[in-house]
C-alpha atoms as a PDB file:
ATOM      1  CA  MET A   1     -18.649-124.640  15.605  1.00  0.00           C
ATOM      2  CA  SER A   2     -16.153-123.278  18.106  1.00  0.00           C
ATOM      3  CA  LEU A   3     -16.286-119.967  19.960  1.00  0.00           C
ATOM      4  CA  ASN A   4     -12.993-118.528  21.177  1.00  0.00           C
ATOM      5  CA  ILE A   5     -12.524-115.780  23.744  1.00  0.00           C
ATOM      6  CA  ARG A   6      -9.577-114.277  25.613  1.00  0.00           C
ATOM      7  CA  PHE A   7      -9.687-112.176  28.738  1.00  0.00           C
ATOM      8  CA  HIS A   8      -8.020-111.181  31.967  1.00  0.00           C
ATOM      9  CA  LEU A   9     -10.418-111.454  34.876  1.00  0.00           C
ATOM     10  CA  ASP A  10     -10.641-108.437  37.160  1.00  0.00           C
ATOM     11  CA  TRP A  11     -11.028-109.171  40.877  1.00  0.00           C
ATOM     12  CA  ASN A  12     -14.165-107.029  41.077  1.00  0.00           C
ATOM     13  CA  GLU A  13     -15.708-109.130  38.285  1.00  0.00           C
ATOM     14  CA  TYR A  14     -14.851-112.252  40.251  1.00  0.00           C
ATOM     15  CA  TYR A  15     -16.383-110.831  43.433  1.00  0.00           C
ATOM     16  CA  GLU A  16     -19.532-109.639  41.651  1.00  0.00           C
ATOM     17  CA  ALA A  17     -19.931-113.085  40.048  1.00  0.00           C
ATOM     18  CA  LYS A  18     -19.658-114.740  43.500  1.00  0.00           C
ATOM     19  CA  GLU A  19     -22.251-112.334  44.907  1.00  0.00           C
ATOM     20  CA  PHE A  20     -24.538-112.950  41.924  1.00  0.00           C
ATOM     21  CA  LEU A  21     -24.326-116.710  42.552  1.00  0.00           C
ATOM     22  CA  LEU A  22     -25.144-116.137  46.235  1.00  0.00           C
ATOM     23  CA  ARG A  23     -28.192-114.018  45.353  1.00  0.00           C
ATOM     24  CA  ASP A  24     -29.287-116.635  42.823  1.00  0.00           C
ATOM     25  CA  ARG A  25     -28.999-119.407  45.387  1.00  0.00           C
ATOM     26  CA  TYR A  26     -30.678-117.602  48.296  1.00  0.00           C
ATOM     27  CA  PRO A  27     -33.602-115.196  47.786  1.00  0.00           C
ATOM     28  CA  VAL A  28     -32.735-113.792  51.220  1.00  0.00           C
ATOM     29  CA  THR A  29     -29.062-114.028  52.171  1.00  0.00           C
ATOM     30  CA  PRO A  30     -28.207-116.070  55.275  1.00  0.00           C
ATOM     31  CA  GLU A  31     -26.815-113.062  57.148  1.00  0.00           C
ATOM     32  CA  LYS A  32     -30.129-111.218  56.791  1.00  0.00           C
ATOM     33  CA  ILE A  33     -31.987-114.211  58.227  1.00  0.00           C
ATOM     34  CA  VAL A  34     -29.554-114.588  61.140  1.00  0.00           C
ATOM     35  CA  GLY A  35     -29.524-110.839  61.797  1.00  0.00           C
ATOM     36  CA  GLY A  36     -33.311-110.647  61.685  1.00  0.00           C
ATOM     37  CA  LEU A  37     -33.691-113.564  64.082  1.00  0.00           C
ATOM     38  CA  LEU A  38     -31.181-112.006  66.485  1.00  0.00           C
ATOM     39  CA  LEU A  39     -33.084-108.719  66.375  1.00  0.00           C
ATOM     40  CA  ILE A  40     -36.449-110.383  67.044  1.00  0.00           C
ATOM     41  CA  VAL A  41     -35.203-112.626  69.856  1.00  0.00           C
ATOM     42  CA  SER A  42     -33.257-109.781  71.481  1.00  0.00           C
ATOM     43  CA  ALA A  43     -36.207-107.380  71.254  1.00  0.00           C
ATOM     44  CA  LEU A  44     -38.497-109.973  72.851  1.00  0.00           C
ATOM     45  CA  TRP A  45     -35.900-110.653  75.543  1.00  0.00           C
ATOM     46  CA  PHE A  46     -35.520-106.913  76.190  1.00  0.00           C
ATOM     47  CA  PHE A  47     -39.251-106.266  76.613  1.00  0.00           C
ATOM     48  CA  LEU A  48     -40.258-109.537  78.277  1.00  0.00           C
ATOM     49  CA  ASP A  49     -37.429-109.532  80.823  1.00  0.00           C
ATOM     50  CA  SER A  50     -38.028-106.119  82.380  1.00  0.00           C
ATOM     51  CA  LEU A  51     -35.819-104.164  79.960  1.00  0.00           C
ATOM     52  CA  ASN A  52     -32.810-106.464  80.347  1.00  0.00           C
ATOM     53  CA  MET A  53     -29.792-104.477  79.225  1.00  0.00           C
ATOM     54  CA  TYR A  54     -27.916-107.591  78.015  1.00  0.00           C
ATOM     55  CA  ALA A  55     -30.510-107.869  75.253  1.00  0.00           C
ATOM     56  CA  ILE A  56     -29.045-104.700  73.753  1.00  0.00           C
ATOM     57  CA  LEU A  57     -25.942-106.754  72.876  1.00  0.00           C
ATOM     58  CA  GLY A  58     -28.183-109.083  70.877  1.00  0.00           C
ATOM     59  CA  LEU A  59     -29.802-106.119  69.146  1.00  0.00           C
ATOM     60  CA  ALA A  60     -26.368-104.753  68.233  1.00  0.00           C
ATOM     61  CA  ALA A  61     -25.279-108.175  66.928  1.00  0.00           C
ATOM     62  CA  GLY A  62     -28.523-108.424  64.947  1.00  0.00           C
ATOM     63  CA  LEU A  63     -27.613-105.187  63.197  1.00  0.00           C
ATOM     64  CA  ALA A  64     -23.911-105.997  62.836  1.00  0.00           C
ATOM     65  CA  VAL A  65     -24.331-109.383  61.156  1.00  0.00           C
ATOM     66  CA  PRO A  66     -26.116-108.227  57.973  1.00  0.00           C
ATOM     67  CA  LEU A  67     -24.031-105.047  57.770  1.00  0.00           C
ATOM     68  CA  THR A  68     -20.596-106.644  58.132  1.00  0.00           C
ATOM     69  CA  ALA A  69     -21.083-109.971  56.295  1.00  0.00           C
ATOM     70  CA  PRO A  70     -20.840-108.440  52.774  1.00  0.00           C
ATOM     71  CA  MET A  71     -17.646-106.602  53.762  1.00  0.00           C
ATOM     72  CA  ILE A  72     -16.152-109.817  55.138  1.00  0.00           C
ATOM     73  CA  ARG A  73     -17.100-111.737  51.962  1.00  0.00           C
ATOM     74  CA  ARG A  74     -15.503-109.005  49.841  1.00  0.00           C
ATOM     75  CA  TRP A  75     -12.330-109.127  51.938  1.00  0.00           C
ATOM     76  CA  ASN A  76     -12.221-112.954  51.652  1.00  0.00           C
ATOM     77  CA  ALA A  77     -12.742-112.775  47.876  1.00  0.00           C
ATOM     78  CA  ARG A  78      -9.892-110.271  47.593  1.00  0.00           C
ATOM     79  CA  ARG A  79      -7.576-112.519  49.663  1.00  0.00           C
ATOM     80  CA  LYS A  80      -8.495-115.569  47.561  1.00  0.00           C
ATOM     81  CA  TRP A  81      -7.852-113.550  44.416  1.00  0.00           C
ATOM     82  CA  GLN A  82      -4.418-112.464  45.632  1.00  0.00           C
ATOM     83  CA  ARG A  83      -3.403-116.024  46.606  1.00  0.00           C
ATOM     84  CA  GLU A  84      -4.510-117.673  43.351  1.00  0.00           C
ATOM     85  CA  PRO A  85      -2.348-116.791  40.333  1.00  0.00           C
ATOM     86  CA  PHE A  86      -4.777-118.455  37.879  1.00  0.00           C
ATOM     87  CA  TYR A  87      -7.245-115.639  38.409  1.00  0.00           C
ATOM     88  CA  ARG A  88      -4.774-113.003  37.282  1.00  0.00           C
ATOM     89  CA  ILE A  89      -3.348-114.563  34.103  1.00  0.00           C
ATOM     90  CA  GLU A  90      -4.929-114.469  30.671  1.00  0.00           C
ATOM     91  CA  HIS A  91      -7.753-116.935  30.114  1.00  0.00           C
ATOM     92  CA  ILE A  92      -8.036-118.403  26.648  1.00  0.00           C
ATOM     93  CA  VAL A  93     -11.340-120.248  26.344  1.00  0.00           C
ATOM     94  CA  SER A  94     -12.642-122.314  23.467  1.00  0.00           C
ATOM     95  CA  VAL A  95     -16.271-123.425  23.603  1.00  0.00           C
ATOM     96  CA  SER A  96     -17.547-126.147  21.281  1.00  0.00           C
ATOM     97  CA  GLU A  97     -20.235-128.810  21.045  1.00  0.00           C
ATOM     98  CA  ASP A  98     -17.837-131.145  22.924  1.00  0.00           C
ATOM     99  CA  GLY A  99     -17.194-128.888  25.902  1.00  0.00           C
ATOM    100  CA  VAL A 100     -15.166-125.997  27.218  1.00  0.00           C
ATOM    101  CA  GLU A 101     -11.393-125.838  26.926  1.00  0.00           C
ATOM    102  CA  TYR A 102      -9.376-123.472  29.128  1.00  0.00           C
ATOM    103  CA  LEU A 103      -5.786-122.461  28.648  1.00  0.00           C
ATOM    104  CA  MET A 104      -4.351-120.436  31.512  1.00  0.00           C
ATOM    105  CA  GLY A 105      -0.605-120.083  31.292  1.00  0.00           C
ATOM    106  CA  GLN A 106       0.816-123.598  31.008  1.00  0.00           C
ATOM    107  CA  THR A 107      -2.335-125.251  32.364  1.00  0.00           C
ATOM    108  CA  LYS A 108      -4.914-126.677  29.992  1.00  0.00           C
ATOM    109  CA  SER A 109      -8.312-128.009  31.046  1.00  0.00           C
ATOM    110  CA  ASP A 110     -10.607-129.779  28.634  1.00  0.00           C
ATOM    111  CA  LEU A 111     -14.040-130.113  30.257  1.00  0.00           C
ATOM    112  CA  THR A 112     -17.103-131.780  28.765  1.00  0.00           C
ATOM    113  CA  TRP A 113     -20.503-130.179  29.213  1.00  0.00           C
ATOM    114  CA  LEU A 114     -21.386-132.951  31.691  1.00  0.00           C
ATOM    115  CA  TYR A 115     -18.873-131.405  34.098  1.00  0.00           C
ATOM    116  CA  TYR A 116     -21.198-128.442  34.643  1.00  0.00           C
ATOM    117  CA  GLN A 117     -24.341-128.592  36.751  1.00  0.00           C
ATOM    118  CA  ARG A 118     -25.914-125.449  35.367  1.00  0.00           C
ATOM    119  CA  MET A 119     -25.375-122.002  33.923  1.00  0.00           C
ATOM    120  CA  ILE A 120     -26.691-118.670  35.098  1.00  0.00           C
ATOM    121  CA  GLU A 121     -26.377-115.412  33.243  1.00  0.00           C
ATOM    122  CA  SER A 122     -25.610-112.180  35.015  1.00  0.00           C
ATOM    123  CA  PRO A 123     -25.623-108.763  33.371  1.00  0.00           C
ATOM    124  CA  ALA A 124     -21.811-108.994  33.202  1.00  0.00           C
ATOM    125  CA  GLY A 125     -21.337-112.579  32.015  1.00  0.00           C
ATOM    126  CA  PHE A 126     -22.021-116.283  32.274  1.00  0.00           C
ATOM    127  CA  LEU A 127     -21.367-118.452  35.310  1.00  0.00           C
ATOM    128  CA  LEU A 128     -20.811-122.105  34.439  1.00  0.00           C
ATOM    129  CA  ILE A 129     -21.415-123.773  37.786  1.00  0.00           C
ATOM    130  CA  TYR A 130     -19.765-127.058  38.708  1.00  0.00           C
ATOM    131  CA  GLY A 131     -20.097-127.136  42.505  1.00  0.00           C
ATOM    132  CA  ASN A 132     -21.863-125.461  45.410  1.00  0.00           C
ATOM    133  CA  ASP A 133     -19.637-122.402  45.322  1.00  0.00           C
ATOM    134  CA  SER A 134     -17.511-123.250  42.262  1.00  0.00           C
ATOM    135  CA  PHE A 135     -17.915-121.759  38.835  1.00  0.00           C
ATOM    136  CA  ASN A 136     -16.130-120.548  35.738  1.00  0.00           C
ATOM    137  CA  PHE A 137     -16.969-116.980  34.814  1.00  0.00           C
ATOM    138  CA  LEU A 138     -17.001-115.889  31.189  1.00  0.00           C
ATOM    139  CA  PRO A 139     -17.409-112.096  30.976  1.00  0.00           C
ATOM    140  CA  LYS A 140     -19.618-110.827  28.176  1.00  0.00           C
ATOM    141  CA  ARG A 141     -17.003-108.174  27.372  1.00  0.00           C
ATOM    142  CA  ALA A 142     -14.711-110.998  26.117  1.00  0.00           C
ATOM    143  CA  PHE A 143     -17.165-112.035  23.395  1.00  0.00           C
ATOM    144  CA  GLN A 144     -16.842-110.360  19.992  1.00  0.00           C
ATOM    145  CA  GLY A 145     -20.306-108.884  19.739  1.00  0.00           C
ATOM    146  CA  GLU A 146     -23.899-109.755  20.519  1.00  0.00           C
ATOM    147  CA  GLU A 147     -24.045-112.526  17.886  1.00  0.00           C
ATOM    148  CA  MET A 148     -21.276-114.434  19.659  1.00  0.00           C
ATOM    149  CA  ILE A 149     -23.024-113.998  23.028  1.00  0.00           C
ATOM    150  CA  ILE A 150     -26.260-115.351  21.542  1.00  0.00           C
ATOM    151  CA  ALA A 151     -24.412-118.299  19.961  1.00  0.00           C
ATOM    152  CA  PHE A 152     -22.774-119.156  23.298  1.00  0.00           C
ATOM    153  CA  ARG A 153     -26.065-118.833  25.198  1.00  0.00           C
ATOM    154  CA  GLU A 154     -27.825-121.132  22.699  1.00  0.00           C
ATOM    155  CA  MET A 155     -25.028-123.728  22.762  1.00  0.00           C
ATOM    156  CA  ALA A 156     -24.805-123.754  26.557  1.00  0.00           C
ATOM    157  CA  THR A 157     -28.586-123.975  26.899  1.00  0.00           C
ATOM    158  CA  LYS A 158     -28.715-126.897  24.459  1.00  0.00           C
ATOM    159  CA  LYS A 159     -25.785-128.734  26.059  1.00  0.00           C
ATOM    160  CA  LEU A 160     -27.012-128.215  29.612  1.00  0.00           C
ATOM    161  CA  LYS A 161     -30.551-129.335  28.756  1.00  0.00           C
ATOM    162  CA  GLY A 162     -31.787-131.286  31.734  1.00  0.00           C
ATOM    163  CA  HIS A 163     -29.526-129.128  33.881  1.00  0.00           C
ATOM    164  CA  GLU A 164     -30.682-125.796  35.222  1.00  0.00           C
ATOM    165  CA  VAL A 165     -30.025-122.784  32.990  1.00  0.00           C
ATOM    166  CA  SER A 166     -31.281-119.438  34.291  1.00  0.00           C
ATOM    167  CA  ALA A 167     -30.899-115.773  33.520  1.00  0.00           C
ATOM    168  CA  GLY A 168     -30.383-113.282  36.306  1.00  0.00           C
END
């Protein structure tokens, strides 16, 4: 059995998929941990060092880190999207028992299931993960109905058995 889908990936879909992978990987994002630690250390410094005014810089940084990091990630994702033409062309994907075949313009990739470490499912699609921050995103909107989504989910789950498969 082979499942075939075609789609153009929107940059917001790409960004949301990256953010979903980040949330899946870290229950608390790194910038929240760093910002929280900066706030705690700066508050202690402020009160334990006779109201040291330099500690206010640490407090400001502790607030700035978790507030600006998502904006910076979004800006970086947008820049990466603009530099990489593969993201913007039509993706033709064929999924079978043997693996996943991609045709993007003149480039064809034929990947076995062993290439992927795991799959996670977001509300918008499936992320087939093959590296720390590397994945192929298959949007659910590209599938022709719920039956096709279920068939893909079952095939991927079976083929990635022994690998991590999770739903978000």
